[in-house]
Amino acid sequence: MFSDFVMQLLTTLRDLGYLGIALGLAIEIIPSEIVLAYAGFLISQGEINYYGAIISGTAGILIAQLIIYWIGAYGGRPFLLKYGKYMLIHERHIDLAEQWFNKYGAGVIFTGRFIPVIRQAISIPAGIAKMSYSKFIFYTLLATIPWSVLFIFLGERLASNWAQIDEVAAPYVKPITIAAVIIIAIYIALSLYRKKNRA
């Protein structure tokens, strides 16, 4: 079960309604899966509606990723190494995200959202590289919307058992992660093939 602190925070978010969901995801003290599942629970209780939850959830995640992007762009790696732990981002996350971004390019902003560890920090190298806002927002929303829909839907179905979200979501998240890795592998293969043809 969740700690008293997490439950108290979720209760505060509940009192704020849609704004609470967006804030909970924007500050990212609690993992997004938990906040989104809790939003689904609130739908089952009739406190909020499905579309409002998706919009506020998506907006909150986008804001969180833009904040990380801006930190990468204006604070750089030294700032993140010093303060990243307060956003649940550690040096290993930064290293891995930078490796993936440098190797696979802008498209990893989409696929990386579905891969554990990578999704926590993939916005950092995008900010450091000053990736265009339009591309960054496009790829982030492309991944964020289905992610929000999935966990809100499962939270609604679970209702009062929403706290079991990790266990229930696993059969859905695993194939999505595998698909993301396959897409990246295909992208690498195509890139190598093109380079070989040019040579």
C-alpha atoms as a PDB file:
ATOM      1  CA  MET A   1       0.000   0.000   0.000  1.00  0.00           C
ATOM      2  CA  PHE A   2       1.029   3.621  -0.405  1.00  0.00           C
ATOM      3  CA  SER A   3       2.531   5.676   2.417  1.00  0.00           C
ATOM      4  CA  ASP A   4       0.454   8.125   4.445  1.00  0.00           C
ATOM      5  CA  PHE A   5       2.314  10.987   2.722  1.00  0.00           C
ATOM      6  CA  VAL A   6       1.306   9.774  -0.763  1.00  0.00           C
ATOM      7  CA  MET A   7      -2.311   9.255   0.283  1.00  0.00           C
ATOM      8  CA  GLN A   8      -2.448  12.699   1.888  1.00  0.00           C
ATOM      9  CA  LEU A   9      -1.019  14.238  -1.274  1.00  0.00           C
ATOM     10  CA  LEU A  10      -3.547  12.392  -3.443  1.00  0.00           C
ATOM     11  CA  THR A  11      -6.366  13.616  -1.200  1.00  0.00           C
ATOM     12  CA  THR A  12      -5.138  17.188  -1.694  1.00  0.00           C
ATOM     13  CA  LEU A  13      -5.069  16.647  -5.469  1.00  0.00           C
ATOM     14  CA  ARG A  14      -8.595  15.234  -5.261  1.00  0.00           C
ATOM     15  CA  ASP A  15      -9.838  18.424  -3.621  1.00  0.00           C
ATOM     16  CA  LEU A  16      -8.380  20.450  -6.509  1.00  0.00           C
ATOM     17  CA  GLY A  17     -10.104  18.346  -9.186  1.00  0.00           C
ATOM     18  CA  TYR A  18      -8.692  18.644 -12.706  1.00  0.00           C
ATOM     19  CA  LEU A  19      -6.127  21.222 -11.577  1.00  0.00           C
ATOM     20  CA  GLY A  20      -4.954  18.752  -8.926  1.00  0.00           C
ATOM     21  CA  ILE A  21      -4.383  16.024 -11.517  1.00  0.00           C
ATOM     22  CA  ALA A  22      -2.414  18.399 -13.750  1.00  0.00           C
ATOM     23  CA  LEU A  23      -0.342  19.674 -10.792  1.00  0.00           C
ATOM     24  CA  GLY A  24       0.303  16.165  -9.477  1.00  0.00           C
ATOM     25  CA  LEU A  25       1.720  15.144 -12.842  1.00  0.00           C
ATOM     26  CA  ALA A  26       3.570  18.426 -13.440  1.00  0.00           C
ATOM     27  CA  ILE A  27       5.525  18.322 -10.163  1.00  0.00           C
ATOM     28  CA  GLU A  28       6.003  14.538 -10.510  1.00  0.00           C
ATOM     29  CA  ILE A  29       6.530  13.767  -6.833  1.00  0.00           C
ATOM     30  CA  ILE A  30       4.345  10.685  -7.367  1.00  0.00           C
ATOM     31  CA  PRO A  31       4.853   8.475 -10.462  1.00  0.00           C
ATOM     32  CA  SER A  32       2.501   9.402 -13.310  1.00  0.00           C
ATOM     33  CA  GLU A  33       0.958   5.917 -13.402  1.00  0.00           C
ATOM     34  CA  ILE A  34      -0.337   6.316  -9.837  1.00  0.00           C
ATOM     35  CA  VAL A  35      -1.760   9.817 -10.374  1.00  0.00           C
ATOM     36  CA  LEU A  36      -3.471   8.759 -13.620  1.00  0.00           C
ATOM     37  CA  ALA A  37      -4.922   5.612 -12.021  1.00  0.00           C
ATOM     38  CA  TYR A  38      -6.196   7.746  -9.141  1.00  0.00           C
ATOM     39  CA  ALA A  39      -7.835  10.036 -11.705  1.00  0.00           C
ATOM     40  CA  GLY A  40      -9.542   6.928 -13.109  1.00  0.00           C
ATOM     41  CA  PHE A  41     -10.771   6.097  -9.608  1.00  0.00           C
ATOM     42  CA  LEU A  42     -12.216   9.627  -9.292  1.00  0.00           C
ATOM     43  CA  ILE A  43     -14.078   9.063 -12.570  1.00  0.00           C
ATOM     44  CA  SER A  44     -15.585   5.868 -11.136  1.00  0.00           C
ATOM     45  CA  GLN A  45     -16.781   7.922  -8.150  1.00  0.00           C
ATOM     46  CA  GLY A  46     -18.419  10.488 -10.447  1.00  0.00           C
ATOM     47  CA  GLU A  47     -16.176  13.315  -9.220  1.00  0.00           C
ATOM     48  CA  ILE A  48     -14.628  14.120 -12.599  1.00  0.00           C
ATOM     49  CA  ASN A  49     -15.273  13.064 -16.189  1.00  0.00           C
ATOM     50  CA  TYR A  50     -13.183  10.953 -18.545  1.00  0.00           C
ATOM     51  CA  TYR A  51     -12.272  13.618 -21.117  1.00  0.00           C
ATOM     52  CA  GLY A  52     -11.407  16.214 -18.495  1.00  0.00           C
ATOM     53  CA  ALA A  53      -9.125  13.683 -16.794  1.00  0.00           C
ATOM     54  CA  ILE A  54      -7.326  12.889 -20.079  1.00  0.00           C
ATOM     55  CA  ILE A  55      -6.848  16.576 -20.928  1.00  0.00           C
ATOM     56  CA  SER A  56      -5.577  17.516 -17.450  1.00  0.00           C
ATOM     57  CA  GLY A  57      -3.413  14.379 -17.267  1.00  0.00           C
ATOM     58  CA  THR A  58      -1.844  14.986 -20.668  1.00  0.00           C
ATOM     59  CA  ALA A  59      -1.291  18.681 -19.881  1.00  0.00           C
ATOM     60  CA  GLY A  60       0.359  17.841 -16.553  1.00  0.00           C
ATOM     61  CA  ILE A  61       2.782  15.335 -18.103  1.00  0.00           C
ATOM     62  CA  LEU A  62       3.634  17.745 -20.928  1.00  0.00           C
ATOM     63  CA  ILE A  63       4.377  20.530 -18.411  1.00  0.00           C
ATOM     64  CA  ALA A  64       6.621  18.167 -16.411  1.00  0.00           C
ATOM     65  CA  GLN A  65       8.556  17.210 -19.549  1.00  0.00           C
ATOM     66  CA  LEU A  66       8.874  20.844 -20.668  1.00  0.00           C
ATOM     67  CA  ILE A  67      10.302  21.742 -17.246  1.00  0.00           C
ATOM     68  CA  ILE A  68      12.902  18.962 -17.597  1.00  0.00           C
ATOM     69  CA  TYR A  69      13.602  20.121 -21.177  1.00  0.00           C
ATOM     70  CA  TRP A  70      14.179  23.715 -19.974  1.00  0.00           C
ATOM     71  CA  ILE A  71      16.422  22.510 -17.167  1.00  0.00           C
ATOM     72  CA  GLY A  72      18.469  20.571 -19.739  1.00  0.00           C
ATOM     73  CA  ALA A  73      18.570  23.584 -22.071  1.00  0.00           C
ATOM     74  CA  TYR A  74      19.441  26.258 -19.505  1.00  0.00           C
ATOM     75  CA  GLY A  75      20.885  24.419 -16.502  1.00  0.00           C
ATOM     76  CA  GLY A  76      22.661  21.624 -18.328  1.00  0.00           C
ATOM     77  CA  ARG A  77      24.091  18.414 -16.961  1.00  0.00           C
ATOM     78  CA  PRO A  78      25.818  19.966 -13.875  1.00  0.00           C
ATOM     79  CA  PHE A  79      22.501  21.350 -12.592  1.00  0.00           C
ATOM     80  CA  LEU A  80      20.767  18.000 -13.115  1.00  0.00           C
ATOM     81  CA  LEU A  81      23.529  16.058 -11.385  1.00  0.00           C
ATOM     82  CA  LYS A  82      23.151  18.338  -8.384  1.00  0.00           C
ATOM     83  CA  TYR A  83      19.371  18.701  -8.183  1.00  0.00           C
ATOM     84  CA  GLY A  84      17.958  15.912 -10.366  1.00  0.00           C
ATOM     85  CA  LYS A  85      17.471  13.589  -7.389  1.00  0.00           C
ATOM     86  CA  TYR A  86      14.638  15.851  -6.210  1.00  0.00           C
ATOM     87  CA  MET A  87      12.821  15.020  -9.462  1.00  0.00           C
ATOM     88  CA  LEU A  88      13.643  11.300  -9.112  1.00  0.00           C
ATOM     89  CA  ILE A  89      16.275  11.640 -11.859  1.00  0.00           C
ATOM     90  CA  HIS A  90      19.706  10.183 -11.077  1.00  0.00           C
ATOM     91  CA  GLU A  91      23.018  10.171 -12.941  1.00  0.00           C
ATOM     92  CA  ARG A  92      22.387   6.731 -14.478  1.00  0.00           C
ATOM     93  CA  HIS A  93      19.115   8.048 -15.957  1.00  0.00           C
ATOM     94  CA  ILE A  94      20.895  11.048 -17.457  1.00  0.00           C
ATOM     95  CA  ASP A  95      23.724   8.911 -18.905  1.00  0.00           C
ATOM     96  CA  LEU A  96      21.338   6.423 -20.478  1.00  0.00           C
ATOM     97  CA  ALA A  97      19.013   9.103 -21.864  1.00  0.00           C
ATOM     98  CA  GLU A  98      21.939  10.963 -23.447  1.00  0.00           C
ATOM     99  CA  GLN A  99      23.272   7.764 -25.030  1.00  0.00           C
ATOM    100  CA  TRP A 100      19.866   6.912 -26.510  1.00  0.00           C
ATOM    101  CA  PHE A 101      19.204  10.440 -27.767  1.00  0.00           C
ATOM    102  CA  ASN A 102      22.639  10.749 -29.386  1.00  0.00           C
ATOM    103  CA  LYS A 103      22.327   7.314 -30.972  1.00  0.00           C
ATOM    104  CA  TYR A 104      18.684   7.290 -32.103  1.00  0.00           C
ATOM    105  CA  GLY A 105      17.829  10.963 -32.593  1.00  0.00           C
ATOM    106  CA  ALA A 106      14.592  12.895 -32.052  1.00  0.00           C
ATOM    107  CA  GLY A 107      12.298   9.882 -32.564  1.00  0.00           C
ATOM    108  CA  VAL A 108      13.414   8.439 -29.225  1.00  0.00           C
ATOM    109  CA  ILE A 109      11.425  11.242 -27.534  1.00  0.00           C
ATOM    110  CA  PHE A 110       8.367   9.197 -28.541  1.00  0.00           C
ATOM    111  CA  THR A 111       9.569   5.601 -28.122  1.00  0.00           C
ATOM    112  CA  GLY A 112      11.599   6.357 -24.995  1.00  0.00           C
ATOM    113  CA  ARG A 113       8.430   7.323 -23.115  1.00  0.00           C
ATOM    114  CA  PHE A 114       7.435   3.653 -22.983  1.00  0.00           C
ATOM    115  CA  ILE A 115      10.766   2.292 -21.728  1.00  0.00           C
ATOM    116  CA  PRO A 116      11.475   2.175 -17.967  1.00  0.00           C
ATOM    117  CA  VAL A 117      14.343   4.418 -16.754  1.00  0.00           C
ATOM    118  CA  ILE A 118      14.601   6.105 -20.195  1.00  0.00           C
ATOM    119  CA  ARG A 119      11.163   7.743 -19.921  1.00  0.00           C
ATOM    120  CA  GLN A 120      12.169   9.509 -16.715  1.00  0.00           C
ATOM    121  CA  ALA A 121      14.972  11.471 -18.318  1.00  0.00           C
ATOM    122  CA  ILE A 122      14.642  11.483 -22.104  1.00  0.00           C
ATOM    123  CA  SER A 123      13.706  15.187 -22.141  1.00  0.00           C
ATOM    124  CA  ILE A 124      17.111  16.118 -20.689  1.00  0.00           C
ATOM    125  CA  PRO A 125      19.266  15.507 -23.792  1.00  0.00           C
ATOM    126  CA  ALA A 126      16.510  17.033 -25.950  1.00  0.00           C
ATOM    127  CA  GLY A 127      16.897  20.245 -23.938  1.00  0.00           C
ATOM    128  CA  ILE A 128      20.693  20.110 -23.978  1.00  0.00           C
ATOM    129  CA  ALA A 129      20.597  19.634 -27.777  1.00  0.00           C
ATOM    130  CA  LYS A 130      18.061  22.518 -28.057  1.00  0.00           C
ATOM    131  CA  MET A 131      15.644  20.307 -30.011  1.00  0.00           C
ATOM    132  CA  SER A 132      12.895  22.441 -31.600  1.00  0.00           C
ATOM    133  CA  TYR A 133       9.829  23.017 -29.401  1.00  0.00           C
ATOM    134  CA  SER A 134       7.432  21.909 -32.119  1.00  0.00           C
ATOM    135  CA  LYS A 135       9.159  18.539 -32.570  1.00  0.00           C
ATOM    136  CA  PHE A 136       9.590  18.016 -28.837  1.00  0.00           C
ATOM    137  CA  ILE A 137       5.945  18.784 -28.034  1.00  0.00           C
ATOM    138  CA  PHE A 138       4.691  16.699 -30.970  1.00  0.00           C
ATOM    139  CA  TYR A 139       6.631  13.554 -29.985  1.00  0.00           C
ATOM    140  CA  THR A 140       5.832  14.044 -26.292  1.00  0.00           C
ATOM    141  CA  LEU A 141       2.081  14.365 -26.901  1.00  0.00           C
ATOM    142  CA  LEU A 142       2.133  11.426 -29.317  1.00  0.00           C
ATOM    143  CA  ALA A 143       3.336   9.205 -26.478  1.00  0.00           C
ATOM    144  CA  THR A 144       1.632  10.948 -23.555  1.00  0.00           C
ATOM    145  CA  ILE A 145      -1.971  10.779 -24.786  1.00  0.00           C
ATOM    146  CA  PRO A 146      -2.177   6.954 -25.118  1.00  0.00           C
ATOM    147  CA  TRP A 147      -0.235   6.579 -21.833  1.00  0.00           C
ATOM    148  CA  SER A 148      -2.769   8.815 -20.040  1.00  0.00           C
ATOM    149  CA  VAL A 149      -5.752   7.054 -21.635  1.00  0.00           C
ATOM    150  CA  LEU A 150      -4.455   3.596 -20.646  1.00  0.00           C
ATOM    151  CA  PHE A 151      -3.859   4.327 -16.954  1.00  0.00           C
ATOM    152  CA  ILE A 152      -6.994   6.438 -16.509  1.00  0.00           C
ATOM    153  CA  PHE A 153      -9.061   3.680 -18.140  1.00  0.00           C
ATOM    154  CA  LEU A 154      -7.510   0.987 -15.915  1.00  0.00           C
ATOM    155  CA  GLY A 155      -7.950   3.146 -12.814  1.00  0.00           C
ATOM    156  CA  GLU A 156     -11.616   3.606 -13.644  1.00  0.00           C
ATOM    157  CA  ARG A 157     -12.102  -0.138 -14.165  1.00  0.00           C
ATOM    158  CA  LEU A 158     -10.334  -0.951 -10.906  1.00  0.00           C
ATOM    159  CA  ALA A 159     -12.360   1.693  -9.009  1.00  0.00           C
ATOM    160  CA  SER A 160     -11.624   1.295  -5.260  1.00  0.00           C
ATOM    161  CA  ASN A 161      -8.856  -1.216  -6.108  1.00  0.00           C
ATOM    162  CA  TRP A 162      -6.963   1.422  -8.139  1.00  0.00           C
ATOM    163  CA  ALA A 163      -3.876   0.999  -5.895  1.00  0.00           C
ATOM    164  CA  GLN A 164      -3.243  -2.351  -7.646  1.00  0.00           C
ATOM    165  CA  ILE A 165      -2.480  -0.472 -10.881  1.00  0.00           C
ATOM    166  CA  ASP A 166       1.121  -1.712 -11.252  1.00  0.00           C
ATOM    167  CA  GLU A 167       0.049  -5.324 -11.155  1.00  0.00           C
ATOM    168  CA  VAL A 168      -2.948  -4.848 -13.478  1.00  0.00           C
ATOM    169  CA  ALA A 169      -1.100  -2.587 -15.957  1.00  0.00           C
ATOM    170  CA  ALA A 170       1.878  -4.947 -16.387  1.00  0.00           C
ATOM    171  CA  PRO A 171       0.268  -7.092 -19.155  1.00  0.00           C
ATOM    172  CA  TYR A 172      -0.432  -3.879 -21.128  1.00  0.00           C
ATOM    173  CA  VAL A 173       2.835  -2.041 -20.458  1.00  0.00           C
ATOM    174  CA  LYS A 174       5.122  -4.991 -21.280  1.00  0.00           C
ATOM    175  CA  PRO A 175       4.023  -5.390 -24.944  1.00  0.00           C
ATOM    176  CA  ILE A 176       4.103  -1.587 -25.394  1.00  0.00           C
ATOM    177  CA  THR A 177       7.698  -1.551 -24.122  1.00  0.00           C
ATOM    178  CA  ILE A 178       8.640  -4.434 -26.427  1.00  0.00           C
ATOM    179  CA  ALA A 179       7.007  -2.642 -29.384  1.00  0.00           C
ATOM    180  CA  ALA A 180       8.967   0.545 -28.570  1.00  0.00           C
ATOM    181  CA  VAL A 181      12.239  -1.402 -28.522  1.00  0.00           C
ATOM    182  CA  ILE A 182      11.339  -3.086 -31.857  1.00  0.00           C
ATOM    183  CA  ILE A 183      10.578   0.319 -33.442  1.00  0.00           C
ATOM    184  CA  ILE A 184      13.960   1.601 -32.285  1.00  0.00           C
ATOM    185  CA  ALA A 185      15.674  -1.531 -33.654  1.00  0.00           C
ATOM    186  CA  ILE A 186      13.971  -1.044 -37.058  1.00  0.00           C
ATOM    187  CA  TYR A 187      14.983   2.611 -37.057  1.00  0.00           C
ATOM    188  CA  ILE A 188      18.630   1.658 -36.385  1.00  0.00           C
ATOM    189  CA  ALA A 189      18.566  -0.978 -39.126  1.00  0.00           C
ATOM    190  CA  LEU A 190      17.143   1.504 -41.659  1.00  0.00           C
ATOM    191  CA  SER A 191      19.689   4.170 -40.673  1.00  0.00           C
ATOM    192  CA  LEU A 192      22.583   1.722 -41.090  1.00  0.00           C
ATOM    193  CA  TYR A 193      21.190   0.562 -44.447  1.00  0.00           C
ATOM    194  CA  ARG A 194      20.950   4.146 -45.718  1.00  0.00           C
ATOM    195  CA  LYS A 195      24.487   4.941 -44.565  1.00  0.00           C
ATOM    196  CA  LYS A 196      25.772   1.814 -46.291  1.00  0.00           C
ATOM    197  CA  ASN A 197      24.026   2.766 -49.560  1.00  0.00           C
ATOM    198  CA  ARG A 198      25.447   6.301 -49.441  1.00  0.00           C
ATOM    199  CA  ALA A 199      28.935   4.930 -48.852  1.00  0.00           C
END
